[in-house]
N, C-alpha and C. Protein backbone atom coordinates (compact mmCIF):
# COMPACT_ATOMS: atom_id res chain seq x y z
N UNK A 1 -19.26 -15.08 -12.61
CA UNK A 1 -17.94 -14.50 -12.79
C UNK A 1 -18.04 -12.99 -12.66
N UNK A 2 -17.17 -12.43 -11.84
CA UNK A 2 -17.12 -10.99 -11.64
C UNK A 2 -15.65 -10.57 -11.67
N UNK A 3 -15.25 -9.89 -12.75
CA UNK A 3 -13.85 -9.48 -12.94
C UNK A 3 -13.83 -7.96 -13.02
N UNK A 4 -13.35 -7.33 -11.94
CA UNK A 4 -13.37 -5.87 -11.86
C UNK A 4 -12.04 -5.30 -11.37
N UNK A 5 -10.94 -5.96 -11.69
CA UNK A 5 -9.63 -5.50 -11.21
C UNK A 5 -9.25 -4.14 -11.78
N UNK A 6 -9.71 -3.82 -12.96
CA UNK A 6 -9.33 -2.54 -13.58
C UNK A 6 -10.38 -1.45 -13.38
N UNK A 7 -11.44 -1.76 -12.69
CA UNK A 7 -12.51 -0.80 -12.47
C UNK A 7 -12.22 0.02 -11.20
N UNK A 8 -11.80 1.25 -11.39
CA UNK A 8 -11.42 2.11 -10.26
C UNK A 8 -12.58 2.41 -9.32
N UNK A 9 -13.79 2.40 -9.82
CA UNK A 9 -14.95 2.77 -9.00
C UNK A 9 -15.53 1.60 -8.23
N UNK A 10 -15.04 0.41 -8.47
CA UNK A 10 -15.49 -0.76 -7.72
C UNK A 10 -14.59 -0.85 -6.49
N UNK A 11 -15.03 -0.25 -5.39
CA UNK A 11 -14.17 -0.11 -4.21
C UNK A 11 -14.22 -1.34 -3.31
N UNK A 12 -13.44 -1.28 -2.23
CA UNK A 12 -13.32 -2.40 -1.30
C UNK A 12 -14.67 -2.78 -0.70
N UNK A 13 -15.47 -1.82 -0.36
CA UNK A 13 -16.78 -2.08 0.23
C UNK A 13 -17.67 -2.86 -0.75
N UNK A 14 -17.68 -2.44 -2.01
CA UNK A 14 -18.47 -3.15 -3.03
C UNK A 14 -17.94 -4.56 -3.25
N UNK A 15 -16.63 -4.72 -3.20
CA UNK A 15 -16.03 -6.05 -3.37
C UNK A 15 -16.50 -6.99 -2.27
N UNK A 16 -16.47 -6.53 -1.03
CA UNK A 16 -16.94 -7.36 0.08
C UNK A 16 -18.42 -7.66 -0.04
N UNK A 17 -19.20 -6.68 -0.44
CA UNK A 17 -20.64 -6.91 -0.63
C UNK A 17 -20.89 -8.02 -1.65
N UNK A 18 -20.11 -8.06 -2.71
CA UNK A 18 -20.26 -9.11 -3.72
C UNK A 18 -19.97 -10.48 -3.11
N UNK A 19 -18.91 -10.59 -2.32
CA UNK A 19 -18.57 -11.87 -1.70
C UNK A 19 -19.63 -12.32 -0.70
N UNK A 20 -20.23 -11.36 -0.02
CA UNK A 20 -21.24 -11.66 0.99
C UNK A 20 -22.59 -12.01 0.36
N UNK A 21 -22.93 -11.40 -0.77
CA UNK A 21 -24.29 -11.50 -1.29
C UNK A 21 -24.48 -12.29 -2.58
N UNK A 22 -23.41 -12.71 -3.25
CA UNK A 22 -23.56 -13.41 -4.53
C UNK A 22 -23.17 -14.89 -4.39
N UNK A 23 -24.12 -15.75 -4.07
CA UNK A 23 -23.80 -17.15 -3.80
C UNK A 23 -23.33 -17.94 -5.02
N UNK A 24 -23.60 -17.46 -6.22
CA UNK A 24 -23.25 -18.23 -7.42
C UNK A 24 -21.93 -17.81 -8.06
N UNK A 25 -21.18 -16.95 -7.39
CA UNK A 25 -19.88 -16.55 -7.94
C UNK A 25 -18.93 -17.74 -8.01
N UNK A 26 -18.26 -17.89 -9.13
CA UNK A 26 -17.23 -18.91 -9.27
C UNK A 26 -15.86 -18.28 -9.46
N UNK A 27 -15.82 -17.09 -10.06
CA UNK A 27 -14.58 -16.36 -10.28
C UNK A 27 -14.81 -14.94 -9.78
N UNK A 28 -13.90 -14.46 -8.93
CA UNK A 28 -14.01 -13.10 -8.41
C UNK A 28 -12.65 -12.44 -8.46
N UNK A 29 -12.56 -11.33 -9.18
CA UNK A 29 -11.33 -10.56 -9.27
C UNK A 29 -11.66 -9.10 -9.01
N UNK A 30 -11.04 -8.54 -7.99
CA UNK A 30 -11.24 -7.13 -7.66
C UNK A 30 -9.90 -6.53 -7.28
N UNK A 31 -9.87 -5.22 -7.22
CA UNK A 31 -8.62 -4.51 -6.95
C UNK A 31 -8.11 -4.75 -5.54
N UNK A 32 -8.92 -4.42 -4.52
CA UNK A 32 -8.45 -4.59 -3.16
C UNK A 32 -9.59 -4.59 -2.16
N UNK A 33 -9.29 -5.15 -0.99
CA UNK A 33 -10.17 -5.10 0.17
C UNK A 33 -9.28 -4.70 1.34
N UNK A 34 -9.74 -3.76 2.15
CA UNK A 34 -8.95 -3.31 3.30
C UNK A 34 -9.52 -3.89 4.59
N UNK A 35 -8.63 -4.06 5.57
CA UNK A 35 -8.99 -4.74 6.80
C UNK A 35 -10.17 -4.06 7.52
N UNK A 36 -10.25 -2.75 7.46
CA UNK A 36 -11.36 -2.06 8.11
C UNK A 36 -12.71 -2.50 7.58
N UNK A 37 -12.77 -2.77 6.28
CA UNK A 37 -14.02 -3.25 5.69
C UNK A 37 -14.34 -4.67 6.14
N UNK A 38 -13.31 -5.50 6.33
CA UNK A 38 -13.55 -6.84 6.85
C UNK A 38 -14.15 -6.78 8.25
N UNK A 39 -13.58 -5.91 9.10
CA UNK A 39 -14.08 -5.77 10.47
C UNK A 39 -15.51 -5.25 10.48
N UNK A 40 -15.85 -4.36 9.57
CA UNK A 40 -17.20 -3.77 9.58
C UNK A 40 -18.24 -4.68 8.93
N UNK A 41 -17.81 -5.72 8.24
CA UNK A 41 -18.74 -6.66 7.58
C UNK A 41 -18.33 -8.10 7.89
N UNK A 42 -18.53 -8.54 9.13
CA UNK A 42 -18.05 -9.86 9.51
C UNK A 42 -18.93 -11.03 9.06
N UNK A 43 -20.03 -10.75 8.34
CA UNK A 43 -20.89 -11.86 7.94
C UNK A 43 -20.16 -12.81 6.98
N UNK A 44 -20.59 -14.07 7.01
CA UNK A 44 -19.97 -15.09 6.17
C UNK A 44 -20.16 -14.80 4.69
N UNK A 45 -19.16 -15.14 3.92
CA UNK A 45 -19.25 -14.97 2.47
C UNK A 45 -20.19 -16.04 1.91
N UNK A 46 -21.04 -15.65 1.00
CA UNK A 46 -22.05 -16.54 0.44
C UNK A 46 -21.55 -17.35 -0.75
N UNK A 47 -20.43 -16.96 -1.32
CA UNK A 47 -19.96 -17.54 -2.58
C UNK A 47 -19.25 -18.88 -2.36
N UNK A 48 -19.98 -19.86 -1.86
CA UNK A 48 -19.41 -21.16 -1.49
C UNK A 48 -18.81 -21.93 -2.68
N UNK A 49 -19.23 -21.61 -3.89
CA UNK A 49 -18.73 -22.29 -5.08
C UNK A 49 -17.56 -21.59 -5.74
N UNK A 50 -16.99 -20.58 -5.08
CA UNK A 50 -15.90 -19.81 -5.67
C UNK A 50 -14.70 -20.71 -5.97
N UNK A 51 -14.20 -20.63 -7.21
CA UNK A 51 -13.04 -21.42 -7.62
C UNK A 51 -11.79 -20.56 -7.74
N UNK A 52 -11.96 -19.29 -8.09
CA UNK A 52 -10.81 -18.39 -8.25
C UNK A 52 -11.08 -17.08 -7.52
N UNK A 53 -10.14 -16.69 -6.65
CA UNK A 53 -10.21 -15.43 -5.93
C UNK A 53 -8.94 -14.65 -6.22
N UNK A 54 -9.11 -13.46 -6.77
CA UNK A 54 -7.96 -12.59 -7.03
C UNK A 54 -8.28 -11.21 -6.49
N UNK A 55 -7.66 -10.86 -5.38
CA UNK A 55 -7.87 -9.56 -4.76
C UNK A 55 -6.70 -9.29 -3.82
N UNK A 56 -6.29 -8.03 -3.75
CA UNK A 56 -5.24 -7.64 -2.83
C UNK A 56 -5.89 -7.22 -1.52
N UNK A 57 -5.44 -7.82 -0.42
CA UNK A 57 -5.94 -7.46 0.91
C UNK A 57 -4.92 -6.54 1.56
N UNK A 58 -5.39 -5.42 2.11
CA UNK A 58 -4.48 -4.42 2.69
C UNK A 58 -4.89 -4.02 4.09
N UNK A 59 -3.86 -3.61 4.86
CA UNK A 59 -4.06 -3.13 6.22
C UNK A 59 -3.03 -2.04 6.49
N UNK A 60 -3.36 -1.13 7.40
CA UNK A 60 -2.39 -0.11 7.80
C UNK A 60 -1.25 -0.72 8.61
N UNK A 61 -1.55 -1.73 9.38
CA UNK A 61 -0.53 -2.42 10.18
C UNK A 61 -0.79 -3.91 10.08
N UNK A 62 0.23 -4.72 10.36
CA UNK A 62 0.02 -6.16 10.33
C UNK A 62 -0.80 -6.56 11.55
N UNK A 63 -1.85 -7.30 11.33
CA UNK A 63 -2.80 -7.66 12.38
C UNK A 63 -3.12 -9.14 12.24
N UNK A 64 -2.63 -9.95 13.18
CA UNK A 64 -2.88 -11.40 13.11
C UNK A 64 -4.36 -11.72 13.22
N UNK A 65 -5.09 -10.91 13.96
CA UNK A 65 -6.53 -11.15 14.07
C UNK A 65 -7.21 -10.97 12.72
N UNK A 66 -6.74 -10.03 11.93
CA UNK A 66 -7.29 -9.84 10.58
C UNK A 66 -6.95 -11.04 9.71
N UNK A 67 -5.71 -11.55 9.84
CA UNK A 67 -5.33 -12.76 9.10
C UNK A 67 -6.29 -13.89 9.45
N UNK A 68 -6.50 -14.10 10.75
CA UNK A 68 -7.36 -15.19 11.20
C UNK A 68 -8.78 -15.02 10.69
N UNK A 69 -9.31 -13.79 10.76
CA UNK A 69 -10.66 -13.55 10.27
C UNK A 69 -10.76 -13.86 8.78
N UNK A 70 -9.77 -13.44 8.01
CA UNK A 70 -9.78 -13.73 6.58
C UNK A 70 -9.69 -15.23 6.33
N UNK A 71 -8.82 -15.93 7.06
CA UNK A 71 -8.69 -17.38 6.88
C UNK A 71 -10.00 -18.09 7.23
N UNK A 72 -10.70 -17.61 8.25
CA UNK A 72 -12.00 -18.20 8.58
C UNK A 72 -12.97 -18.04 7.42
N UNK A 73 -12.97 -16.87 6.78
CA UNK A 73 -13.83 -16.66 5.61
C UNK A 73 -13.43 -17.59 4.46
N UNK A 74 -12.13 -17.66 4.19
CA UNK A 74 -11.66 -18.50 3.09
C UNK A 74 -11.93 -19.99 3.35
N UNK A 75 -11.95 -20.39 4.61
CA UNK A 75 -12.11 -21.81 4.94
C UNK A 75 -13.45 -22.37 4.48
N UNK A 76 -14.45 -21.53 4.31
CA UNK A 76 -15.76 -22.04 3.87
C UNK A 76 -15.84 -22.14 2.34
N UNK A 77 -14.82 -21.65 1.66
CA UNK A 77 -14.80 -21.68 0.20
C UNK A 77 -14.05 -22.93 -0.26
N UNK A 78 -14.61 -24.09 0.02
CA UNK A 78 -13.92 -25.36 -0.17
C UNK A 78 -13.68 -25.73 -1.63
N UNK A 79 -14.24 -25.00 -2.55
CA UNK A 79 -14.00 -25.28 -3.98
C UNK A 79 -12.88 -24.42 -4.57
N UNK A 80 -12.25 -23.60 -3.74
CA UNK A 80 -11.17 -22.74 -4.24
C UNK A 80 -10.06 -23.56 -4.87
N UNK A 81 -9.67 -23.16 -6.06
CA UNK A 81 -8.56 -23.78 -6.77
C UNK A 81 -7.41 -22.80 -6.96
N UNK A 82 -7.73 -21.52 -7.08
CA UNK A 82 -6.70 -20.50 -7.30
C UNK A 82 -6.95 -19.31 -6.37
N UNK A 83 -5.89 -18.91 -5.66
CA UNK A 83 -5.95 -17.74 -4.80
C UNK A 83 -4.79 -16.83 -5.16
N UNK A 84 -5.12 -15.62 -5.59
CA UNK A 84 -4.11 -14.62 -5.95
C UNK A 84 -4.33 -13.42 -5.04
N UNK A 85 -3.44 -13.25 -4.06
CA UNK A 85 -3.60 -12.16 -3.10
C UNK A 85 -2.41 -11.21 -3.11
N UNK A 86 -1.49 -11.44 -4.02
CA UNK A 86 -0.31 -10.58 -4.10
C UNK A 86 -0.58 -9.31 -4.87
N UNK A 87 0.43 -8.48 -4.90
CA UNK A 87 0.32 -7.19 -5.57
C UNK A 87 0.92 -7.26 -6.97
N UNK A 88 1.38 -8.37 -7.42
CA UNK A 88 2.15 -8.51 -8.63
C UNK A 88 1.66 -7.80 -9.87
N UNK A 89 0.37 -7.80 -10.13
CA UNK A 89 -0.10 -7.23 -11.39
C UNK A 89 -0.79 -5.88 -11.23
N UNK A 90 -0.77 -5.30 -10.05
CA UNK A 90 -1.39 -3.99 -9.88
C UNK A 90 -0.54 -2.92 -10.51
N UNK A 91 -1.15 -2.07 -11.25
CA UNK A 91 -0.43 -0.94 -11.83
C UNK A 91 -0.07 0.03 -10.72
N UNK A 92 0.92 0.90 -10.93
CA UNK A 92 1.27 1.88 -9.90
C UNK A 92 0.07 2.70 -9.44
N UNK A 93 -0.86 2.96 -10.34
CA UNK A 93 -2.04 3.73 -9.95
C UNK A 93 -2.90 2.97 -8.95
N UNK A 94 -2.85 1.63 -9.00
CA UNK A 94 -3.66 0.83 -8.09
C UNK A 94 -2.95 0.50 -6.80
N UNK A 95 -1.66 0.73 -6.73
CA UNK A 95 -0.90 0.41 -5.54
C UNK A 95 -1.14 1.47 -4.47
N UNK A 96 -1.16 1.02 -3.22
CA UNK A 96 -1.31 1.94 -2.10
C UNK A 96 -0.20 1.67 -1.11
N UNK A 97 -0.15 2.46 -0.07
CA UNK A 97 0.93 2.33 0.91
C UNK A 97 0.66 1.28 1.97
N UNK A 98 -0.53 0.68 1.99
CA UNK A 98 -0.87 -0.28 3.02
C UNK A 98 -0.07 -1.56 2.93
N UNK A 99 0.04 -2.25 4.09
CA UNK A 99 0.68 -3.55 4.11
C UNK A 99 -0.29 -4.58 3.56
N UNK A 100 0.27 -5.60 2.94
CA UNK A 100 -0.57 -6.66 2.40
C UNK A 100 -0.72 -7.76 3.44
N UNK A 101 -1.86 -8.36 3.48
CA UNK A 101 -2.09 -9.51 4.34
C UNK A 101 -2.97 -10.47 3.58
N UNK A 102 -3.14 -11.68 3.95
CA UNK A 102 -2.67 -12.29 5.19
C UNK A 102 -1.26 -12.83 5.05
N UNK A 103 -0.69 -13.17 6.19
CA UNK A 103 0.56 -13.92 6.21
C UNK A 103 0.14 -15.39 6.29
N UNK A 104 0.56 -16.17 5.34
CA UNK A 104 0.14 -17.57 5.22
C UNK A 104 0.97 -18.41 6.18
N UNK A 105 0.73 -18.18 7.48
CA UNK A 105 1.50 -18.84 8.54
C UNK A 105 0.55 -19.51 9.52
N UNK A 106 1.02 -20.56 10.14
CA UNK A 106 0.20 -21.27 11.12
C UNK A 106 -0.16 -20.38 12.30
N UNK A 107 0.76 -19.53 12.74
CA UNK A 107 0.45 -18.66 13.87
C UNK A 107 -0.46 -17.49 13.50
N UNK A 108 -0.85 -17.42 12.24
CA UNK A 108 -1.82 -16.41 11.79
C UNK A 108 -3.16 -17.04 11.42
N UNK A 109 -3.30 -18.35 11.63
CA UNK A 109 -4.57 -19.02 11.36
C UNK A 109 -4.60 -19.87 10.10
N UNK A 110 -3.44 -20.13 9.49
CA UNK A 110 -3.38 -20.92 8.26
C UNK A 110 -4.10 -22.26 8.39
N UNK A 111 -4.06 -22.86 9.57
CA UNK A 111 -4.66 -24.18 9.75
C UNK A 111 -6.18 -24.19 9.50
N UNK A 112 -6.82 -23.02 9.53
CA UNK A 112 -8.24 -22.96 9.17
C UNK A 112 -8.47 -23.45 7.74
N UNK A 113 -7.44 -23.39 6.92
CA UNK A 113 -7.58 -23.70 5.50
C UNK A 113 -7.31 -25.16 5.15
N UNK A 114 -7.34 -26.03 6.13
CA UNK A 114 -7.05 -27.45 5.88
C UNK A 114 -8.06 -28.10 4.94
N UNK A 115 -9.24 -27.53 4.83
CA UNK A 115 -10.26 -28.13 3.95
C UNK A 115 -10.22 -27.59 2.52
N UNK A 116 -9.22 -26.80 2.18
CA UNK A 116 -9.08 -26.33 0.79
C UNK A 116 -8.32 -27.37 -0.02
N UNK A 117 -8.86 -28.56 -0.10
CA UNK A 117 -8.20 -29.71 -0.72
C UNK A 117 -8.03 -29.56 -2.22
N UNK A 118 -8.77 -28.65 -2.84
CA UNK A 118 -8.68 -28.44 -4.30
C UNK A 118 -7.70 -27.34 -4.69
N UNK A 119 -7.13 -26.64 -3.72
CA UNK A 119 -6.26 -25.51 -4.02
C UNK A 119 -5.04 -25.96 -4.82
N UNK A 120 -4.90 -25.40 -6.03
CA UNK A 120 -3.80 -25.76 -6.93
C UNK A 120 -2.76 -24.66 -7.04
N UNK A 121 -3.19 -23.40 -6.85
CA UNK A 121 -2.35 -22.26 -7.18
C UNK A 121 -2.49 -21.18 -6.12
N UNK A 122 -1.36 -20.72 -5.58
CA UNK A 122 -1.34 -19.64 -4.60
C UNK A 122 -0.32 -18.61 -5.05
N UNK A 123 -0.75 -17.36 -5.18
CA UNK A 123 0.14 -16.27 -5.59
C UNK A 123 0.16 -15.22 -4.49
N UNK A 124 1.34 -15.04 -3.89
CA UNK A 124 1.53 -14.05 -2.82
C UNK A 124 2.58 -13.02 -3.23
N UNK A 125 2.72 -12.79 -4.53
CA UNK A 125 3.73 -11.88 -5.06
C UNK A 125 3.65 -10.51 -4.39
N UNK A 126 4.81 -10.00 -3.98
CA UNK A 126 4.88 -8.67 -3.41
C UNK A 126 4.44 -8.56 -1.97
N UNK A 127 4.20 -9.68 -1.31
CA UNK A 127 3.81 -9.66 0.10
C UNK A 127 4.98 -10.11 0.96
N UNK A 128 5.02 -9.68 2.19
CA UNK A 128 6.07 -10.07 3.12
C UNK A 128 5.55 -11.24 3.93
N UNK A 129 5.87 -12.46 3.52
CA UNK A 129 5.30 -13.63 4.16
C UNK A 129 6.03 -14.06 5.44
N UNK A 130 7.33 -14.06 5.44
CA UNK A 130 8.06 -14.50 6.63
C UNK A 130 7.72 -15.92 7.03
N UNK A 131 7.58 -16.80 6.03
CA UNK A 131 7.21 -18.19 6.32
C UNK A 131 8.33 -18.92 7.04
N UNK A 132 7.94 -19.97 7.73
CA UNK A 132 8.87 -20.85 8.42
C UNK A 132 8.71 -22.25 7.85
N UNK A 133 9.61 -23.11 8.20
CA UNK A 133 9.61 -24.49 7.72
C UNK A 133 8.26 -25.16 7.96
N UNK A 134 7.71 -25.00 9.16
CA UNK A 134 6.45 -25.67 9.49
C UNK A 134 5.28 -25.15 8.65
N UNK A 135 5.34 -23.90 8.23
CA UNK A 135 4.27 -23.35 7.39
C UNK A 135 4.28 -24.00 6.01
N UNK A 136 5.47 -24.13 5.44
CA UNK A 136 5.58 -24.75 4.10
C UNK A 136 5.22 -26.23 4.17
N UNK A 137 5.71 -26.92 5.20
CA UNK A 137 5.34 -28.33 5.38
C UNK A 137 3.82 -28.47 5.45
N UNK A 138 3.20 -27.60 6.23
CA UNK A 138 1.76 -27.68 6.40
C UNK A 138 1.06 -27.53 5.06
N UNK A 139 1.46 -26.56 4.26
CA UNK A 139 0.82 -26.33 2.96
C UNK A 139 0.91 -27.56 2.06
N UNK A 140 2.11 -28.11 1.93
CA UNK A 140 2.26 -29.25 1.01
C UNK A 140 1.60 -30.51 1.56
N UNK A 141 1.47 -30.62 2.87
CA UNK A 141 0.80 -31.78 3.46
C UNK A 141 -0.72 -31.68 3.42
N UNK A 142 -1.25 -30.47 3.53
CA UNK A 142 -2.70 -30.30 3.66
C UNK A 142 -3.42 -29.94 2.37
N UNK A 143 -2.69 -29.51 1.38
CA UNK A 143 -3.30 -29.17 0.09
C UNK A 143 -2.77 -30.13 -0.96
N UNK A 144 -3.36 -31.31 -1.08
CA UNK A 144 -2.84 -32.34 -1.98
C UNK A 144 -2.86 -31.95 -3.45
N UNK A 145 -3.68 -31.01 -3.83
CA UNK A 145 -3.76 -30.59 -5.24
C UNK A 145 -2.79 -29.46 -5.57
N UNK A 146 -2.07 -28.94 -4.58
CA UNK A 146 -1.20 -27.78 -4.79
C UNK A 146 -0.12 -28.09 -5.83
N UNK A 147 -0.10 -27.25 -6.87
CA UNK A 147 0.86 -27.42 -7.97
C UNK A 147 1.87 -26.29 -8.04
N UNK A 148 1.44 -25.07 -7.66
CA UNK A 148 2.31 -23.92 -7.88
C UNK A 148 2.09 -22.84 -6.83
N UNK A 149 3.21 -22.27 -6.36
CA UNK A 149 3.18 -21.10 -5.48
C UNK A 149 4.05 -20.04 -6.12
N UNK A 150 3.52 -18.82 -6.22
CA UNK A 150 4.26 -17.70 -6.80
C UNK A 150 4.48 -16.66 -5.71
N UNK A 151 5.74 -16.19 -5.58
CA UNK A 151 6.06 -15.17 -4.59
C UNK A 151 7.16 -15.64 -3.66
N UNK A 152 7.67 -14.72 -2.88
CA UNK A 152 8.73 -15.05 -1.93
C UNK A 152 8.14 -15.56 -0.62
N UNK A 153 8.82 -16.54 -0.06
CA UNK A 153 8.40 -17.12 1.21
C UNK A 153 8.97 -16.34 2.39
N UNK A 154 10.17 -15.79 2.20
CA UNK A 154 10.86 -15.09 3.29
C UNK A 154 11.70 -13.97 2.69
N UNK A 155 11.99 -12.95 3.49
CA UNK A 155 12.79 -11.83 3.00
C UNK A 155 14.27 -12.17 2.92
N UNK A 156 14.75 -13.05 3.78
CA UNK A 156 16.14 -13.48 3.73
C UNK A 156 16.31 -14.41 2.53
N UNK A 157 17.16 -14.06 1.56
CA UNK A 157 17.30 -14.86 0.33
C UNK A 157 17.69 -16.32 0.60
N UNK A 158 18.53 -16.56 1.58
CA UNK A 158 18.95 -17.93 1.89
C UNK A 158 17.76 -18.75 2.41
N UNK A 159 17.04 -18.18 3.36
CA UNK A 159 15.86 -18.85 3.92
C UNK A 159 14.80 -19.05 2.84
N UNK A 160 14.60 -18.03 2.01
CA UNK A 160 13.63 -18.11 0.93
C UNK A 160 13.93 -19.30 0.01
N UNK A 161 15.18 -19.43 -0.41
CA UNK A 161 15.55 -20.54 -1.30
C UNK A 161 15.44 -21.89 -0.61
N UNK A 162 15.76 -21.93 0.67
CA UNK A 162 15.64 -23.17 1.44
C UNK A 162 14.18 -23.63 1.49
N UNK A 163 13.28 -22.70 1.79
CA UNK A 163 11.87 -23.04 1.87
C UNK A 163 11.29 -23.40 0.50
N UNK A 164 11.69 -22.68 -0.52
CA UNK A 164 11.24 -23.01 -1.88
C UNK A 164 11.75 -24.39 -2.29
N UNK A 165 12.99 -24.70 -1.91
CA UNK A 165 13.54 -26.02 -2.20
C UNK A 165 12.72 -27.13 -1.56
N UNK A 166 12.27 -26.90 -0.34
CA UNK A 166 11.43 -27.88 0.34
C UNK A 166 10.14 -28.11 -0.44
N UNK A 167 9.51 -27.04 -0.87
CA UNK A 167 8.26 -27.18 -1.65
C UNK A 167 8.52 -27.92 -2.95
N UNK A 168 9.63 -27.60 -3.61
CA UNK A 168 9.97 -28.28 -4.87
C UNK A 168 10.18 -29.78 -4.64
N UNK A 169 10.83 -30.13 -3.53
CA UNK A 169 11.04 -31.55 -3.22
C UNK A 169 9.72 -32.29 -3.08
N UNK A 170 8.69 -31.58 -2.67
CA UNK A 170 7.38 -32.19 -2.48
C UNK A 170 6.50 -32.09 -3.73
N UNK A 171 7.10 -31.67 -4.86
CA UNK A 171 6.39 -31.65 -6.13
C UNK A 171 5.63 -30.38 -6.45
N UNK A 172 5.88 -29.32 -5.70
CA UNK A 172 5.20 -28.04 -5.95
C UNK A 172 6.14 -27.15 -6.75
N UNK A 173 5.63 -26.61 -7.84
CA UNK A 173 6.41 -25.69 -8.67
C UNK A 173 6.38 -24.33 -7.99
N UNK A 174 7.56 -23.76 -7.74
CA UNK A 174 7.67 -22.49 -7.02
C UNK A 174 8.38 -21.48 -7.90
N UNK A 175 7.77 -20.30 -8.04
CA UNK A 175 8.35 -19.23 -8.84
C UNK A 175 8.66 -18.05 -7.93
């Protein structure tokens, strides 16, 4: 277990190093990882037994290739049960101007995560997801353990409620 969300000196580079080099991690919580660090350290993450991941991923611009690279990394973490990638609990001091990623969409590589069969909880609070019907269908069909999603699915309130309603119909609690 490594919980360093409030440690200002534990930077993005150190966070990635922990994921790459600590195979016995089960819980990992850090402040943020930026896309540039992902590109500079493309090696596979060693923490195959990770059950909980809580970290904000940031980029200067939205980059589908970065989404795909991150999904490829997450796909090997088949024991993941909880993923918290939103900005919801960051204090103003921890917030930055970067865009949050990934976008949990099929056209961004979401299908790489089909083997996360244990995923119960996904928190994307404060991120601009822009999900579509097929993305939500895919999640509820491919993650049989999914119980709860926190965050907005779309910026349009009508579309957001429609998509959340679909997830609720399939037994997923949506906040």
